[in-house]
Amino acid sequence: FAYPKDIRKAIYTTNAIESLNMSLRKVIKNKRVFPSDDSV
């Protein structure tokens, strides 16, 4: 609330990283089980 309304959404949501996570999940779903930490 201390910031201009135009920028508030960028601050109060993790949408930026959730969008990244969504893209990563699409890739990860093909790997049911990873054989090691390094493979992740």
All heavy atoms as atom14 arrays in JSON, in Angstrom:
{
  "sequence": "FAYPKDIRKAIYTTNAIESLNMSLRKVIKNKRVFPSDDSV",
  "atom14_mask": [
    [1, 1, 1, 1, 1, 1, 1, 1, 1, 1, 1, 0, 0, 0],
    [1, 1, 1, 1, 1, 0, 0, 0, 0, 0, 0, 0, 0, 0],
    [1, 1, 1, 1, 1, 1, 1, 1, 1, 1, 1, 1, 0, 0],
    [1, 1, 1, 1, 1, 1, 1, 0, 0, 0, 0, 0, 0, 0],
    [1, 1, 1, 1, 1, 1, 1, 1, 1, 0, 0, 0, 0, 0],
    [1, 1, 1, 1, 1, 1, 1, 1, 0, 0, 0, 0, 0, 0],
    [1, 1, 1, 1, 1, 1, 1, 1, 0, 0, 0, 0, 0, 0],
    [1, 1, 1, 1, 1, 1, 1, 1, 1, 1, 1, 0, 0, 0],
    [1, 1, 1, 1, 1, 1, 1, 1, 1, 0, 0, 0, 0, 0],
    [1, 1, 1, 1, 1, 0, 0, 0, 0, 0, 0, 0, 0, 0],
    [1, 1, 1, 1, 1, 1, 1, 1, 0, 0, 0, 0, 0, 0],
    [1, 1, 1, 1, 1, 1, 1, 1, 1, 1, 1, 1, 0, 0],
    [1, 1, 1, 1, 1, 1, 1, 0, 0, 0, 0, 0, 0, 0],
    [1, 1, 1, 1, 1, 1, 1, 0, 0, 0, 0, 0, 0, 0],
    [1, 1, 1, 1, 1, 1, 1, 1, 0, 0, 0, 0, 0, 0],
    [1, 1, 1, 1, 1, 0, 0, 0, 0, 0, 0, 0, 0, 0],
    [1, 1, 1, 1, 1, 1, 1, 1, 0, 0, 0, 0, 0, 0],
    [1, 1, 1, 1, 1, 1, 1, 1, 1, 0, 0, 0, 0, 0],
    [1, 1, 1, 1, 1, 1, 0, 0, 0, 0, 0, 0, 0, 0],
    [1, 1, 1, 1, 1, 1, 1, 1, 0, 0, 0, 0, 0, 0],
    [1, 1, 1, 1, 1, 1, 1, 1, 0, 0, 0, 0, 0, 0],
    [1, 1, 1, 1, 1, 1, 1, 1, 0, 0, 0, 0, 0, 0],
    [1, 1, 1, 1, 1, 1, 0, 0, 0, 0, 0, 0, 0, 0],
    [1, 1, 1, 1, 1, 1, 1, 1, 0, 0, 0, 0, 0, 0],
    [1, 1, 1, 1, 1, 1, 1, 1, 1, 1, 1, 0, 0, 0],
    [1, 1, 1, 1, 1, 1, 1, 1, 1, 0, 0, 0, 0, 0],
    [1, 1, 1, 1, 1, 1, 1, 0, 0, 0, 0, 0, 0, 0],
    [1, 1, 1, 1, 1, 1, 1, 1, 0, 0, 0, 0, 0, 0],
    [1, 1, 1, 1, 1, 1, 1, 1, 1, 0, 0, 0, 0, 0],
    [1, 1, 1, 1, 1, 1, 1, 1, 0, 0, 0, 0, 0, 0],
    [1, 1, 1, 1, 1, 1, 1, 1, 1, 0, 0, 0, 0, 0],
    [1, 1, 1, 1, 1, 1, 1, 1, 1, 1, 1, 0, 0, 0],
    [1, 1, 1, 1, 1, 1, 1, 0, 0, 0, 0, 0, 0, 0],
    [1, 1, 1, 1, 1, 1, 1, 1, 1, 1, 1, 0, 0, 0],
    [1, 1, 1, 1, 1, 1, 1, 0, 0, 0, 0, 0, 0, 0],
    [1, 1, 1, 1, 1, 1, 0, 0, 0, 0, 0, 0, 0, 0],
    [1, 1, 1, 1, 1, 1, 1, 1, 0, 0, 0, 0, 0, 0],
    [1, 1, 1, 1, 1, 1, 1, 1, 0, 0, 0, 0, 0, 0],
    [1, 1, 1, 1, 1, 1, 0, 0, 0, 0, 0, 0, 0, 0],
    [1, 1, 1, 1, 1, 1, 1, 0, 0, 0, 0, 0, 0, 0]
  ],
  "atom14_positions": [
    [[0.82, -1.22, 0.0], [0.0, 0.0, 0.0], [0.85, 1.27, 0.0], [0.35, 2.36, -0.31], [-0.94, 0.02, 1.21], [-2.17, -0.81, 1.02], [-2.35, -2.0, 1.73], [-3.18, -0.43, 0.14], [-3.49, -2.77, 1.56], [-4.31, -1.2, -0.03], [-4.47, -2.38, 0.67], [0.0, 0.0, 0.0], [0.0, 0.0, 0.0], [0.0, 0.0, 0.0]],
    [[2.13, 1.14, 0.32], [3.01, 2.31, 0.34], [3.46, 2.73, -1.06], [4.12, 3.76, -1.21], [4.23, 2.02, 1.2], [0.0, 0.0, 0.0], [0.0, 0.0, 0.0], [0.0, 0.0, 0.0], [0.0, 0.0, 0.0], [0.0, 0.0, 0.0], [0.0, 0.0, 0.0], [0.0, 0.0, 0.0], [0.0, 0.0, 0.0], [0.0, 0.0, 0.0]],
    [[3.07, 1.96, -2.08], [3.57, 2.2, -3.44], [2.43, 2.56, -4.39], [1.25, 2.29, -4.1], [4.32, 0.96, -3.93], [5.52, 0.67, -3.07], [5.41, -0.2, -1.98], [6.73, 1.3, -3.31], [6.51, -0.44, -1.15], [7.82, 1.06, -2.49], [7.7, 0.2, -1.42], [8.77, -0.01, -0.6], [0.0, 0.0, 0.0], [0.0, 0.0, 0.0]],
    [[2.76, 3.16, -5.53], [1.72, 3.55, -6.5], [0.89, 2.34, -6.94], [1.4, 1.22, -7.03], [2.53, 4.12, -7.67], [3.84, 4.52, -7.09], [4.11, 3.55, -5.98], [0.0, 0.0, 0.0], [0.0, 0.0, 0.0], [0.0, 0.0, 0.0], [0.0, 0.0, 0.0], [0.0, 0.0, 0.0], [0.0, 0.0, 0.0], [0.0, 0.0, 0.0]],
    [[-0.36, 2.58, -7.26], [-1.27, 1.5, -7.61], [-0.79, 0.73, -8.84], [-1.02, -0.48, -8.95], [-2.68, 2.05, -7.85], [-3.33, 2.63, -6.61], [-4.78, 3.0, -6.83], [-5.66, 1.75, -6.92], [-7.1, 2.09, -6.97], [0.0, 0.0, 0.0], [0.0, 0.0, 0.0], [0.0, 0.0, 0.0], [0.0, 0.0, 0.0], [0.0, 0.0, 0.0]],
    [[-0.12, 1.42, -9.77], [0.32, 0.75, -11.0], [1.33, -0.37, -10.74], [1.44, -1.29, -11.54], [0.96, 1.77, -11.95], [-0.08, 2.69, -12.58], [-1.26, 2.3, -12.59], [0.29, 3.78, -13.06], [0.0, 0.0, 0.0], [0.0, 0.0, 0.0], [0.0, 0.0, 0.0], [0.0, 0.0, 0.0], [0.0, 0.0, 0.0], [0.0, 0.0, 0.0]],
    [[2.07, -0.26, -9.65], [3.11, -1.24, -9.38], [2.71, -2.24, -8.3], [3.4, -3.23, -8.05], [4.43, -0.52, -8.99], [5.64, -1.47, -9.13], [4.35, 0.03, -7.58], [5.94, -1.86, -10.54], [0.0, 0.0, 0.0], [0.0, 0.0, 0.0], [0.0, 0.0, 0.0], [0.0, 0.0, 0.0], [0.0, 0.0, 0.0], [0.0, 0.0, 0.0]],
    [[1.59, -2.02, -7.66], [1.23, -2.85, -6.5], [1.12, -4.33, -6.83], [1.56, -5.18, -6.07], [-0.07, -2.35, -5.88], [0.07, -1.05, -5.13], [-1.26, -0.62, -4.53], [-1.15, 0.68, -3.87], [-2.15, 1.31, -3.29], [-3.36, 0.75, -3.27], [-1.97, 2.48, -2.72], [0.0, 0.0, 0.0], [0.0, 0.0, 0.0], [0.0, 0.0, 0.0]],
    [[0.51, -4.63, -7.97], [0.3, -6.04, -8.3], [1.62, -6.79, -8.45], [1.73, -7.97, -8.1], [-0.53, -6.18, -9.59], [-1.02, -7.59, -9.83], [-2.0, -7.65, -11.0], [-2.51, -9.06, -11.2], [-3.45, -9.17, -12.33], [0.0, 0.0, 0.0], [0.0, 0.0, 0.0], [0.0, 0.0, 0.0], [0.0, 0.0, 0.0], [0.0, 0.0, 0.0]],
    [[2.62, -6.11, -8.98], [3.93, -6.73, -9.12], [4.54, -7.04, -7.76], [5.37, -7.94, -7.63], [4.86, -5.82, -9.92], [0.0, 0.0, 0.0], [0.0, 0.0, 0.0], [0.0, 0.0, 0.0], [0.0, 0.0, 0.0], [0.0, 0.0, 0.0], [0.0, 0.0, 0.0], [0.0, 0.0, 0.0], [0.0, 0.0, 0.0], [0.0, 0.0, 0.0]],
    [[4.13, -6.28, -6.74], [4.67, -6.46, -5.4], [3.89, -7.49, -4.6], [4.47, -8.35, -3.93], [4.68, -5.11, -4.63], [5.61, -4.12, -5.34], [5.09, -5.3, -3.18], [5.55, -2.71, -4.76], [0.0, 0.0, 0.0], [0.0, 0.0, 0.0], [0.0, 0.0, 0.0], [0.0, 0.0, 0.0], [0.0, 0.0, 0.0], [0.0, 0.0, 0.0]],
    [[2.56, -7.45, -4.68], [1.78, -8.3, -3.77], [1.45, -9.69, -4.31], [0.75, -10.44, -3.65], [0.51, -7.59, -3.3], [-0.62, -7.42, -4.3], [-1.27, -8.51, -4.87], [-1.09, -6.14, -4.62], [-2.32, -8.34, -5.75], [-2.15, -5.97, -5.5], [-2.76, -7.08, -6.06], [-3.82, -6.91, -6.92], [0.0, 0.0, 0.0], [0.0, 0.0, 0.0]],
    [[1.94, -10.04, -5.48], [1.74, -11.41, -5.96], [3.08, -12.0, -6.36], [4.01, -11.27, -6.73], [0.81, -11.49, -7.19], [1.53, -11.09, -8.35], [-0.41, -10.61, -7.02], [0.0, 0.0, 0.0], [0.0, 0.0, 0.0], [0.0, 0.0, 0.0], [0.0, 0.0, 0.0], [0.0, 0.0, 0.0], [0.0, 0.0, 0.0], [0.0, 0.0, 0.0]],
    [[3.15, -13.3, -6.28], [4.34, -14.02, -6.78], [4.1, -14.51, -8.2], [4.67, -15.5, -8.64], [4.69, -15.21, -5.86], [3.52, -16.04, -5.73], [5.17, -14.76, -4.52], [0.0, 0.0, 0.0], [0.0, 0.0, 0.0], [0.0, 0.0, 0.0], [0.0, 0.0, 0.0], [0.0, 0.0, 0.0], [0.0, 0.0, 0.0], [0.0, 0.0, 0.0]],
    [[3.23, -13.79, -8.95], [2.9, -14.23, -10.31], [4.13, -14.39, -11.19], [4.19, -15.27, -12.04], [1.94, -13.22, -10.97], [0.51, -13.41, -10.49], [0.23, -14.32, -9.72], [-0.38, -12.54, -10.93], [0.0, 0.0, 0.0], [0.0, 0.0, 0.0], [0.0, 0.0, 0.0], [0.0, 0.0, 0.0], [0.0, 0.0, 0.0], [0.0, 0.0, 0.0]],
    [[5.11, -13.5, -11.0], [6.32, -13.56, -11.84], [7.01, -14.9, -11.69], [7.37, -15.54, -12.69], [7.27, -12.43, -11.45], [0.0, 0.0, 0.0], [0.0, 0.0, 0.0], [0.0, 0.0, 0.0], [0.0, 0.0, 0.0], [0.0, 0.0, 0.0], [0.0, 0.0, 0.0], [0.0, 0.0, 0.0], [0.0, 0.0, 0.0], [0.0, 0.0, 0.0]],
    [[7.19, -15.35, -10.46], [7.87, -16.62, -10.26], [6.92, -17.8, -10.47], [7.33, -18.89, -10.87], [8.54, -16.69, -8.87], [9.62, -17.77, -8.87], [7.52, -16.91, -7.76], [10.56, -17.69, -7.69], [0.0, 0.0, 0.0], [0.0, 0.0, 0.0], [0.0, 0.0, 0.0], [0.0, 0.0, 0.0], [0.0, 0.0, 0.0], [0.0, 0.0, 0.0]],
    [[5.61, -17.59, -10.23], [4.66, -18.67, -10.51], [4.59, -18.96, -12.0], [4.42, -20.11, -12.42], [3.27, -18.3, -9.98], [3.12, -18.51, -8.49], [1.66, -18.51, -8.05], [0.8, -18.89, -8.85], [1.4, -18.15, -6.92], [0.0, 0.0, 0.0], [0.0, 0.0, 0.0], [0.0, 0.0, 0.0], [0.0, 0.0, 0.0], [0.0, 0.0, 0.0]],
    [[4.71, -17.94, -12.83], [4.74, -18.14, -14.27], [5.96, -18.97, -14.66], [5.87, -19.88, -15.5], [4.79, -16.79, -14.98], [4.92, -16.95, -16.37], [0.0, 0.0, 0.0], [0.0, 0.0, 0.0], [0.0, 0.0, 0.0], [0.0, 0.0, 0.0], [0.0, 0.0, 0.0], [0.0, 0.0, 0.0], [0.0, 0.0, 0.0], [0.0, 0.0, 0.0]],
    [[7.1, -18.68, -14.03], [8.3, -19.47, -14.26], [8.07, -20.91, -13.81], [8.39, -21.87, -14.53], [9.48, -18.86, -13.5], [10.76, -19.7, -13.43], [11.34, -19.92, -14.81], [11.78, -19.02, -12.51], [0.0, 0.0, 0.0], [0.0, 0.0, 0.0], [0.0, 0.0, 0.0], [0.0, 0.0, 0.0], [0.0, 0.0, 0.0], [0.0, 0.0, 0.0]],
    [[7.49, -21.07, -12.62], [7.23, -22.41, -12.09], [6.3, -23.21, -13.0], [6.47, -24.42, -13.19], [6.65, -22.33, -10.69], [7.69, -21.97, -9.65], [8.88, -21.9, -9.97], [7.27, -21.75, -8.42], [0.0, 0.0, 0.0], [0.0, 0.0, 0.0], [0.0, 0.0, 0.0], [0.0, 0.0, 0.0], [0.0, 0.0, 0.0], [0.0, 0.0, 0.0]],
    [[5.29, -22.53, -13.55], [4.35, -23.22, -14.44], [5.09, -23.77, -15.66], [4.85, -24.9, -16.09], [3.25, -22.25, -14.87], [2.13, -22.91, -15.67], [0.87, -21.71, -16.19], [0.33, -21.11, -14.58], [0.0, 0.0, 0.0], [0.0, 0.0, 0.0], [0.0, 0.0, 0.0], [0.0, 0.0, 0.0], [0.0, 0.0, 0.0], [0.0, 0.0, 0.0]],
    [[5.98, -22.96, -16.22], [6.76, -23.4, -17.38], [7.67, -24.56, -17.0], [7.83, -25.52, -17.77], [7.59, -22.24, -17.93], [6.78, -21.19, -18.37], [0.0, 0.0, 0.0], [0.0, 0.0, 0.0], [0.0, 0.0, 0.0], [0.0, 0.0, 0.0], [0.0, 0.0, 0.0], [0.0, 0.0, 0.0], [0.0, 0.0, 0.0], [0.0, 0.0, 0.0]],
    [[8.26, -24.49, -15.81], [9.15, -25.57, -15.36], [8.36, -26.85, -15.11], [8.85, -27.95, -15.39], [9.89, -25.14, -14.11], [10.97, -24.07, -14.29], [11.53, -23.65, -12.94], [12.08, -24.56, -15.2], [0.0, 0.0, 0.0], [0.0, 0.0, 0.0], [0.0, 0.0, 0.0], [0.0, 0.0, 0.0], [0.0, 0.0, 0.0], [0.0, 0.0, 0.0]],
    [[7.15, -26.72, -14.57], [6.34, -27.92, -14.3], [6.0, -28.66, -15.58], [5.91, -29.9, -15.59], [5.07, -27.54, -13.54], [5.31, -27.19, -12.08], [4.0, -27.04, -11.32], [4.25, -26.62, -9.95], [4.15, -25.37, -9.52], [3.8, -24.41, -10.37], [4.4, -25.07, -8.27], [0.0, 0.0, 0.0], [0.0, 0.0, 0.0], [0.0, 0.0, 0.0]],
    [[5.79, -27.92, -16.67], [5.5, -28.56, -17.94], [6.67, -29.44, -18.38], [6.48, -30.48, -19.01], [5.22, -27.5, -19.01], [3.91, -26.77, -18.83], [3.73, -25.7, -19.91], [2.44, -24.93, -19.7], [2.27, -23.84, -20.71], [0.0, 0.0, 0.0], [0.0, 0.0, 0.0], [0.0, 0.0, 0.0], [0.0, 0.0, 0.0], [0.0, 0.0, 0.0]],
    [[7.88, -28.98, -18.06], [9.07, -29.75, -18.4], [9.24, -30.93, -17.44], [9.53, -32.05, -17.85], [10.32, -28.84, -18.36], [11.59, -29.65, -18.56], [10.2, -27.75, -19.42], [0.0, 0.0, 0.0], [0.0, 0.0, 0.0], [0.0, 0.0, 0.0], [0.0, 0.0, 0.0], [0.0, 0.0, 0.0], [0.0, 0.0, 0.0], [0.0, 0.0, 0.0]],
    [[9.04, -30.67, -16.15], [9.29, -31.67, -15.12], [8.31, -32.84, -15.2], [8.65, -33.97, -14.85], [9.23, -31.02, -13.73], [10.45, -30.11, -13.52], [9.16, -32.05, -12.61], [10.37, -29.25, -12.28], [0.0, 0.0, 0.0], [0.0, 0.0, 0.0], [0.0, 0.0, 0.0], [0.0, 0.0, 0.0], [0.0, 0.0, 0.0], [0.0, 0.0, 0.0]],
    [[7.08, -32.6, -15.7], [6.07, -33.66, -15.69], [6.49, -34.87, -16.5], [6.01, -35.98, -16.27], [4.74, -33.12, -16.2], [4.69, -32.83, -17.69], [3.3, -32.35, -18.11], [3.25, -32.09, -19.62], [1.91, -31.62, -20.04], [0.0, 0.0, 0.0], [0.0, 0.0, 0.0], [0.0, 0.0, 0.0], [0.0, 0.0, 0.0], [0.0, 0.0, 0.0]],
    [[7.41, -34.67, -17.46], [7.91, -35.81, -18.24], [8.86, -36.68, -17.43], [9.15, -37.81, -17.83], [8.62, -35.32, -19.5], [7.67, -34.64, -20.47], [6.54, -35.07, -20.64], [8.13, -33.56, -21.1], [0.0, 0.0, 0.0], [0.0, 0.0, 0.0], [0.0, 0.0, 0.0], [0.0, 0.0, 0.0], [0.0, 0.0, 0.0], [0.0, 0.0, 0.0]],
    [[9.36, -36.14, -16.33], [10.29, -36.87, -15.47], [9.54, -37.31, -14.21], [9.44, -36.55, -13.25], [11.47, -35.98, -15.07], [12.31, -35.52, -16.24], [13.36, -36.55, -16.58], [14.36, -35.99, -17.58], [15.37, -36.98, -17.96], [0.0, 0.0, 0.0], [0.0, 0.0, 0.0], [0.0, 0.0, 0.0], [0.0, 0.0, 0.0], [0.0, 0.0, 0.0]],
    [[9.03, -38.51, -14.2], [8.26, -38.95, -13.03], [9.14, -39.0, -11.79], [8.74, -38.58, -10.72], [7.65, -40.32, -13.31], [6.61, -40.31, -14.42], [5.99, -41.69, -14.62], [5.03, -41.68, -15.7], [5.33, -41.89, -16.98], [6.61, -42.12, -17.31], [4.42, -41.87, -17.91], [0.0, 0.0, 0.0], [0.0, 0.0, 0.0], [0.0, 0.0, 0.0]],
    [[10.35, -39.54, -11.96], [11.3, -39.64, -10.85], [12.68, -39.27, -11.37], [13.13, -39.8, -12.39], [11.33, -41.06, -10.25], [12.36, -41.13, -9.12], [9.95, -41.46, -9.73], [0.0, 0.0, 0.0], [0.0, 0.0, 0.0], [0.0, 0.0, 0.0], [0.0, 0.0, 0.0], [0.0, 0.0, 0.0], [0.0, 0.0, 0.0], [0.0, 0.0, 0.0]],
    [[13.36, -38.37, -10.67], [14.73, -38.01, -11.04], [15.7, -39.0, -10.38], [15.54, -39.33, -9.2], [15.06, -36.59, -10.57], [14.39, -35.52, -11.38], [13.12, -35.07, -11.06], [15.03, -34.96, -12.48], [12.5, -34.07, -11.81], [14.42, -33.97, -13.24], [13.16, -33.53, -12.9], [0.0, 0.0, 0.0], [0.0, 0.0, 0.0], [0.0, 0.0, 0.0]],
    [[16.72, -39.44, -11.11], [17.66, -40.41, -10.54], [18.61, -39.82, -9.49], [19.18, -40.56, -8.69], [18.44, -40.91, -11.76], [18.35, -39.8, -12.75], [17.0, -39.17, -12.53], [0.0, 0.0, 0.0], [0.0, 0.0, 0.0], [0.0, 0.0, 0.0], [0.0, 0.0, 0.0], [0.0, 0.0, 0.0], [0.0, 0.0, 0.0], [0.0, 0.0, 0.0]],
    [[18.78, -38.5, -9.49], [19.72, -37.88, -8.54], [19.41, -36.39, -8.42], [18.66, -35.82, -9.22], [21.16, -38.05, -9.05], [21.34, -37.33, -10.26], [0.0, 0.0, 0.0], [0.0, 0.0, 0.0], [0.0, 0.0, 0.0], [0.0, 0.0, 0.0], [0.0, 0.0, 0.0], [0.0, 0.0, 0.0], [0.0, 0.0, 0.0], [0.0, 0.0, 0.0]],
    [[20.03, -35.77, -7.41], [19.88, -34.31, -7.24], [20.45, -33.56, -8.44], [19.86, -32.58, -8.91], [20.6, -33.85, -5.96], [19.91, -34.34, -4.69], [18.83, -34.96, -4.8], [20.46, -34.1, -3.6], [0.0, 0.0, 0.0], [0.0, 0.0, 0.0], [0.0, 0.0, 0.0], [0.0, 0.0, 0.0], [0.0, 0.0, 0.0], [0.0, 0.0, 0.0]],
    [[21.6, -34.04, -8.94], [22.23, -33.37, -10.08], [21.32, -33.36, -11.3], [21.3, -32.39, -12.07], [23.56, -34.04, -10.44], [24.71, -33.57, -9.57], [24.5, -32.61, -8.79], [25.8, -34.15, -9.65], [0.0, 0.0, 0.0], [0.0, 0.0, 0.0], [0.0, 0.0, 0.0], [0.0, 0.0, 0.0], [0.0, 0.0, 0.0], [0.0, 0.0, 0.0]],
    [[20.58, -34.44, -11.52], [19.69, -34.5, -12.68], [18.59, -33.45, -12.57], [18.14, -32.91, -13.58], [19.09, -35.9, -12.82], [18.25, -36.22, -11.73], [0.0, 0.0, 0.0], [0.0, 0.0, 0.0], [0.0, 0.0, 0.0], [0.0, 0.0, 0.0], [0.0, 0.0, 0.0], [0.0, 0.0, 0.0], [0.0, 0.0, 0.0], [0.0, 0.0, 0.0]],
    [[18.16, -33.14, -11.36], [17.17, -32.08, -11.15], [17.76, -30.72, -11.53], [17.16, -29.94, -12.29], [16.69, -32.04, -9.69], [15.67, -30.92, -9.49], [16.08, -33.36, -9.27], [0.0, 0.0, 0.0], [0.0, 0.0, 0.0], [0.0, 0.0, 0.0], [0.0, 0.0, 0.0], [0.0, 0.0, 0.0], [0.0, 0.0, 0.0], [0.0, 0.0, 0.0]]
  ]
}
